[in-house]
Protein backbone atom coordinates (compact mmCIF):
# COMPACT_ATOMS: atom_id res chain seq x y z
CA MET A 1 6.96 14.37 -19.37
CA HIS A 2 4.47 11.67 -20.23
CA THR A 3 4.48 10.65 -23.85
CA ILE A 4 1.85 8.47 -25.45
CA LEU A 5 2.86 6.63 -28.59
CA GLY A 6 0.06 5.73 -30.84
CA ALA A 7 -2.25 8.52 -29.58
CA GLY A 8 -5.82 8.66 -30.69
CA GLY A 9 -6.94 5.19 -29.82
CA PRO A 10 -9.52 4.43 -26.98
CA ILE A 11 -6.88 3.46 -24.41
CA ALA A 12 -4.65 6.43 -25.29
CA ASN A 13 -7.54 8.74 -25.11
CA ALA A 14 -8.73 7.50 -21.75
CA LEU A 15 -5.21 7.66 -20.44
CA THR A 16 -4.71 11.18 -21.62
CA LYS A 17 -7.74 12.22 -19.58
CA GLU A 18 -6.31 10.59 -16.50
CA LEU A 19 -2.95 12.52 -16.93
CA ILE A 20 -4.81 15.80 -17.64
CA ALA A 21 -6.81 15.31 -14.33
CA ASP A 22 -3.49 14.90 -12.57
CA ASN A 23 -2.15 18.10 -14.21
CA GLN A 24 0.62 16.25 -15.96
CA THR A 25 2.49 17.44 -19.11
CA VAL A 26 1.47 15.15 -21.93
CA ARG A 27 2.85 14.77 -25.42
CA LEU A 28 0.82 12.84 -27.90
CA ILE A 29 2.62 11.19 -30.87
CA SER A 30 0.93 9.66 -33.85
CA ARG A 31 0.59 9.82 -37.60
CA LYS A 32 -2.89 11.30 -37.60
CA GLN A 33 -3.58 14.50 -35.76
CA VAL A 34 -5.07 14.36 -32.32
CA SER A 35 -6.97 17.55 -31.42
CA THR A 36 -6.43 19.01 -27.96
CA ASN A 37 -7.28 22.40 -26.34
CA ASN A 38 -5.48 21.60 -23.02
CA ARG A 39 -2.40 23.81 -22.36
CA ASN A 40 -0.58 20.78 -20.79
CA VAL A 41 -1.10 18.59 -23.91
CA SER A 42 0.72 18.84 -27.24
CA TRP A 43 0.64 16.68 -30.38
CA ILE A 44 3.53 15.91 -32.71
CA LYS A 45 3.23 13.97 -35.88
CA ALA A 46 5.60 11.04 -36.19
CA ASP A 47 5.52 7.53 -37.59
CA LEU A 48 6.67 4.94 -35.07
CA LEU A 49 8.42 3.05 -38.00
CA ASN A 50 10.72 6.11 -38.49
CA GLN A 51 13.29 6.02 -35.69
CA GLU A 52 14.68 9.45 -36.32
CA ALA A 53 11.27 11.12 -36.40
CA LEU A 54 10.33 9.21 -33.26
CA PHE A 55 13.49 10.29 -31.39
CA LYS A 56 12.85 13.87 -32.23
CA ALA A 57 9.17 13.86 -31.33
CA ALA A 58 9.74 12.06 -28.01
CA GLU A 59 12.70 14.19 -26.83
CA GLY A 60 12.46 14.98 -23.13
CA SER A 61 10.15 12.07 -22.27
CA THR A 62 10.45 10.50 -18.82
CA ILE A 63 7.50 7.98 -19.05
CA ILE A 64 6.53 6.52 -22.39
CA TYR A 65 3.24 4.70 -22.90
CA LEU A 66 3.11 2.51 -26.05
CA CYS A 67 -0.59 2.23 -26.98
CA ALA A 68 -0.29 1.82 -30.69
CA GLY A 69 -2.77 -0.32 -32.55
CA LEU A 70 -1.93 -1.59 -35.99
CA VAL A 71 -4.26 -2.47 -38.81
CA TYR A 72 -5.74 -5.95 -37.95
CA ASP A 73 -3.76 -7.78 -40.59
CA VAL A 74 -1.22 -10.42 -39.70
CA LYS A 75 1.20 -9.41 -42.52
CA ILE A 76 1.34 -5.88 -41.24
CA TRP A 77 1.83 -7.15 -37.63
CA GLN A 78 4.67 -9.41 -38.84
CA GLU A 79 6.38 -6.59 -40.69
CA GLN A 80 5.75 -3.53 -38.51
CA TRP A 81 5.63 -4.65 -34.85
CA PRO A 82 9.22 -5.84 -34.66
CA VAL A 83 10.43 -2.46 -36.19
CA ILE A 84 8.28 -0.45 -33.83
CA ILE A 85 9.37 -2.39 -30.73
CA GLN A 86 13.04 -2.03 -31.67
CA ASN A 87 12.62 1.74 -32.26
CA VAL A 88 10.92 2.23 -28.88
CA ILE A 89 13.56 0.14 -27.11
CA ASN A 90 16.30 2.35 -28.75
CA LEU A 91 14.28 5.46 -27.74
CA CYS A 92 14.06 4.39 -24.09
CA LYS A 93 17.75 3.60 -23.89
CA ILE A 94 18.69 7.01 -25.22
CA ALA A 95 16.04 8.99 -23.21
CA GLY A 96 16.41 6.96 -20.06
CA ALA A 97 12.64 6.82 -19.93
CA ARG A 98 10.40 4.19 -18.48
CA LEU A 99 8.32 2.20 -20.88
CA ILE A 100 4.71 1.01 -20.28
CA PHE A 101 3.41 -1.23 -23.05
CA PHE A 102 -0.27 -1.73 -23.46
CA ASP A 103 -0.52 -5.39 -24.49
CA ASN A 104 -3.14 -8.12 -25.17
CA VAL A 105 -3.31 -11.80 -24.41
CA TYR A 106 -2.82 -13.46 -27.78
CA MET A 107 0.52 -14.92 -26.75
CA TYR A 108 -1.15 -17.19 -24.21
CA GLY A 109 -3.13 -19.08 -26.82
CA GLN A 110 -6.00 -21.21 -25.51
CA VAL A 111 -5.80 -21.52 -21.81
CA ASN A 112 -7.76 -23.96 -19.65
CA GLY A 113 -8.43 -21.95 -16.62
CA PRO A 114 -7.55 -18.38 -15.62
CA MET A 115 -4.86 -16.40 -17.50
CA THR A 116 -2.43 -14.85 -15.06
CA GLU A 117 0.91 -13.10 -15.37
CA GLN A 118 2.57 -16.45 -14.90
CA THR A 119 0.72 -18.21 -17.77
CA PRO A 120 3.30 -19.52 -20.20
CA TYR A 121 3.16 -18.47 -23.89
CA HIS A 122 1.64 -21.01 -26.21
CA PRO A 123 0.35 -18.87 -29.08
CA ILE A 124 -1.83 -20.87 -31.52
CA SER A 125 -2.38 -17.89 -33.90
CA LEU A 126 0.06 -15.93 -36.09
CA LYS A 127 -0.82 -12.76 -34.37
CA GLY A 128 -0.18 -14.51 -31.09
CA LYS A 129 3.36 -15.51 -32.20
CA VAL A 130 4.00 -11.89 -33.01
CA ARG A 131 2.88 -10.68 -29.59
CA ALA A 132 4.91 -13.36 -27.86
CA LYS A 133 8.03 -12.44 -29.68
CA ILE A 134 7.90 -8.74 -28.94
CA ALA A 135 6.99 -9.45 -25.31
CA ASP A 136 10.02 -11.71 -24.89
CA GLN A 137 12.15 -9.17 -26.61
CA LEU A 138 11.01 -6.38 -24.13
CA MET A 139 11.44 -8.49 -21.06
CA SER A 140 14.92 -9.68 -22.29
CA GLU A 141 16.02 -6.00 -22.44
CA SER A 142 14.51 -5.53 -18.99
CA ILE A 143 16.41 -8.52 -17.49
CA ALA A 144 19.64 -7.22 -19.07
CA GLY A 145 19.05 -3.92 -17.35
CA ASN A 146 18.91 -1.99 -20.64
CA ILE A 147 15.48 -0.48 -20.09
CA ASN A 148 12.82 -0.29 -17.46
CA VAL A 149 9.69 -1.78 -19.04
CA THR A 150 6.21 -2.63 -17.70
CA ILE A 151 3.91 -4.79 -19.81
CA ALA A 152 0.31 -3.97 -19.05
CA ARG A 153 -2.12 -6.55 -20.46
CA ALA A 154 -5.85 -6.23 -20.93
CA ALA A 155 -8.58 -8.62 -21.98
CA ASP A 156 -10.98 -7.65 -24.81
CA PHE A 157 -12.12 -4.23 -23.75
CA TYR A 158 -15.49 -2.38 -23.76
CA GLY A 159 -16.30 1.32 -23.32
CA ALA A 160 -14.16 2.50 -26.22
CA ASP A 161 -14.74 5.92 -27.79
CA SER A 162 -14.60 4.24 -31.14
CA MET A 163 -16.37 1.22 -32.61
CA ASN A 164 -13.56 -1.21 -32.37
CA SER A 165 -14.76 -3.28 -29.47
CA PHE A 166 -17.01 -6.19 -30.41
CA PHE A 167 -19.12 -5.86 -27.30
CA ASP A 168 -19.60 -2.18 -27.83
CA MET A 169 -20.36 -2.53 -31.47
CA MET A 170 -22.39 -5.82 -31.56
CA VAL A 171 -24.24 -5.65 -28.21
CA LEU A 172 -24.42 -2.20 -26.69
CA ASP A 173 -24.83 -0.15 -29.84
CA LYS A 174 -27.43 -2.66 -31.11
CA PHE A 175 -29.53 -2.59 -27.93
CA ALA A 176 -29.26 1.18 -27.79
CA ASN A 177 -30.81 1.40 -31.17
CA LYS A 178 -33.51 -1.20 -30.43
CA LYS A 179 -31.92 -3.83 -32.57
CA GLY A 180 -31.07 -7.49 -31.94
CA ALA A 181 -27.53 -8.05 -30.68
CA GLN A 182 -24.87 -10.33 -32.15
CA TRP A 183 -22.51 -12.60 -30.24
CA ILE A 184 -19.28 -14.17 -31.62
CA GLY A 185 -18.89 -17.78 -30.71
CA ASN A 186 -20.58 -19.76 -27.94
CA PRO A 187 -22.67 -17.66 -25.56
CA ASP A 188 -22.51 -20.38 -22.98
CA LYS A 189 -18.81 -19.92 -22.52
CA LEU A 190 -17.18 -17.48 -20.05
CA HIS A 191 -15.59 -14.32 -21.31
CA SER A 192 -13.71 -11.46 -19.65
CA PHE A 193 -13.97 -7.80 -20.74
CA THR A 194 -11.74 -4.95 -19.48
CA TYR A 195 -13.52 -1.64 -18.91
CA VAL A 196 -11.49 1.06 -20.83
CA GLU A 197 -11.83 3.56 -17.93
CA ASP A 198 -10.32 0.96 -15.51
CA ALA A 199 -7.53 0.18 -17.88
CA ALA A 200 -6.62 3.90 -18.22
CA LYS A 201 -6.64 4.42 -14.47
CA ALA A 202 -4.45 1.37 -14.01
CA MET A 203 -1.96 2.54 -16.76
CA PHE A 204 -1.78 5.91 -14.88
CA LEU A 205 -1.14 4.15 -11.59
CA LEU A 206 1.64 2.03 -13.13
CA GLY A 207 3.22 5.21 -14.47
CA GLN A 208 3.10 6.83 -11.05
CA ASN A 209 4.70 3.82 -9.30
CA PRO A 210 8.28 3.12 -10.40
CA ASP A 211 8.32 -0.05 -8.38
CA SER A 212 5.87 -1.58 -10.79
CA GLY A 213 8.46 -1.57 -13.48
CA ASN A 214 10.16 -4.61 -15.02
CA GLN A 215 7.06 -6.71 -14.47
CA ILE A 216 4.01 -7.91 -16.29
CA TRP A 217 0.60 -6.77 -14.93
CA HIS A 218 -2.88 -7.76 -15.84
CA LEU A 219 -5.00 -4.66 -15.81
CA PRO A 220 -8.05 -4.66 -13.47
CA THR A 221 -10.89 -6.74 -15.03
CA ALA A 222 -14.11 -7.89 -13.51
CA PRO A 223 -14.64 -11.76 -13.13
CA PRO A 224 -15.75 -13.43 -16.29
CA LEU A 225 -19.43 -14.11 -17.15
CA LYS A 226 -21.14 -16.25 -19.76
CA GLY A 227 -21.99 -14.57 -22.98
CA LYS A 228 -25.74 -14.92 -22.15
CA ASP A 229 -25.21 -13.15 -18.89
CA PHE A 230 -23.67 -10.18 -20.66
CA LEU A 231 -26.65 -10.11 -23.03
CA GLU A 232 -29.17 -10.31 -20.19
CA ILE A 233 -27.46 -7.56 -18.18
CA SER A 234 -27.25 -5.27 -21.25
CA ALA A 235 -30.82 -5.92 -22.30
CA GLN A 236 -32.04 -5.23 -18.75
CA ILE A 237 -30.19 -1.83 -18.67
CA TYR A 238 -31.47 -0.94 -22.12
CA GLU A 239 -34.96 -1.99 -21.15
CA THR A 240 -35.20 -4.32 -24.16
CA LYS A 241 -35.51 -8.01 -24.88
CA PRO A 242 -32.19 -9.98 -24.94
CA LYS A 243 -32.62 -10.91 -28.56
CA TYR A 244 -29.40 -12.00 -30.31
CA THR A 245 -27.93 -14.11 -33.14
CA THR A 246 -24.59 -15.90 -32.88
CA ILE A 247 -21.74 -15.64 -35.36
CA ASN A 248 -19.81 -18.80 -36.04
CA LYS A 249 -16.36 -19.31 -37.62
CA LEU A 250 -17.73 -19.99 -41.05
CA MET A 251 -19.75 -16.79 -41.00
CA LEU A 252 -16.63 -14.86 -40.08
CA ARG A 253 -14.74 -16.46 -42.96
CA LEU A 254 -17.47 -15.49 -45.38
CA VAL A 255 -17.66 -11.87 -44.22
CA GLY A 256 -13.80 -11.79 -44.20
CA LEU A 257 -13.88 -12.30 -47.94
CA PHE A 258 -15.00 -8.69 -48.22
CA LYS A 259 -13.77 -7.15 -45.01
CA LYS A 260 -10.06 -7.66 -44.18
CA VAL A 261 -10.60 -6.58 -40.51
CA VAL A 262 -13.09 -9.36 -40.10
CA ALA A 263 -10.84 -11.84 -41.87
CA GLY A 264 -8.17 -11.09 -39.28
CA THR A 265 -10.62 -12.14 -36.47
CA VAL A 266 -10.98 -15.80 -37.91
CA GLU A 267 -7.72 -17.11 -36.43
CA MET A 268 -8.75 -15.68 -32.97
CA TYR A 269 -12.11 -17.47 -32.95
CA TYR A 270 -10.75 -19.95 -30.28
CA GLN A 271 -11.18 -17.10 -27.83
CA TYR A 272 -14.91 -17.12 -28.44
CA GLU A 273 -15.64 -20.86 -28.56
CA ASN A 274 -13.82 -21.64 -25.21
CA ASP A 275 -13.78 -20.13 -21.84
CA TYR A 276 -11.73 -16.91 -21.75
CA HIS A 277 -10.90 -16.12 -18.10
CA PHE A 278 -8.58 -13.14 -17.54
CA ASP A 279 -7.35 -12.81 -13.91
CA SER A 280 -6.16 -9.46 -12.59
CA THR A 281 -5.79 -10.34 -8.86
CA LYS A 282 -2.17 -9.25 -8.74
CA PHE A 283 -2.92 -5.65 -9.76
CA GLU A 284 -6.08 -5.34 -7.60
CA LYS A 285 -4.22 -6.46 -4.51
CA ALA A 286 -1.08 -4.46 -5.08
CA PHE A 287 -3.00 -1.24 -5.78
CA ASN A 288 -6.08 -1.90 -3.68
CA PHE A 289 -8.04 -1.29 -6.85
CA LYS A 290 -11.83 -1.80 -6.99
CA THR A 291 -12.68 -3.01 -10.46
CA THR A 292 -15.90 -1.70 -12.13
CA ASN A 293 -18.47 -4.41 -12.30
CA TYR A 294 -20.15 -5.12 -15.61
CA TYR A 295 -23.53 -3.72 -14.63
CA ASP A 296 -22.14 -0.37 -13.53
CA GLY A 297 -19.90 -0.10 -16.57
CA ILE A 298 -22.67 -0.84 -18.99
CA LEU A 299 -25.08 1.45 -17.11
CA LYS A 300 -22.68 4.26 -17.47
CA LEU A 301 -22.15 3.68 -21.14
CA SER A 302 -25.91 3.62 -21.66
CA LYS A 303 -25.93 7.22 -20.44
CA THR A 304 -22.85 8.37 -22.30
CA MET A 305 -21.27 6.72 -25.32
CA TYR A 306 -24.10 4.36 -26.25
CA LYS A 307 -27.25 6.22 -25.13
CA LYS A 308 -30.58 4.50 -25.43
CA GLN A 309 -32.40 5.91 -28.48
CA ASP A 310 -36.12 6.75 -28.12
């Protein structure tokens, strides 16, 4: 049985579709209810911070995908991620289940050049330090032979079924509604974005291939482009002018005074004022995976989630 912890988020939802298409039995676990009308999919309410409830909800699992997303607040991350990771480690030990952890790149810090699976951890943010610590903890358990864990990392993603991707929210949705876009940081710098559908397909493949365990994988992501290029491509697809304004660090700080989620973005600003090059060559070669290019990904979204408004 495939169990998704932290169900309801964009990656979890896309992964669920992949598992359903393969006729797999899926159990969704989250605090908030996730609706499903598929006979192979069930939902159980459980808090990942509650070990007893988690163990009960995940009973019978063979592959566990940890796709949880916490409130974008460093104090919550510092308090809750260590508890969640330890609970999930304990769960995998008892259940004998494989763990596939959906991760980000915060632990790398600012990198001059491509980020690969071998890039050392040099976090320069508090959130990055949290991610580095839990990644080290997971791989230590793996090296010790206590659990079989796969860490699957993605860049900033786009194509989410919720408005929690800055590219979706500040570019695609704006152009779809005939408004000017917004870009965080320097639009002359390179940036990588992982297409949610590609990430979900890759997570599914990792789950289907036991040999991929006890490793770190960068999920398939198209080569980076400059921010201006993303804006030009998107405007072309939406048949509008590539009008945009830039958001600098000071502006983020000011908005953060009123919105805590935005305040949590300030310490990550280095990702937007420097080149952000995410390399997924290892996965693409190992699985012979053809990554969706940005034009095709944005074009599909313009016909589905972010339709052009008349």
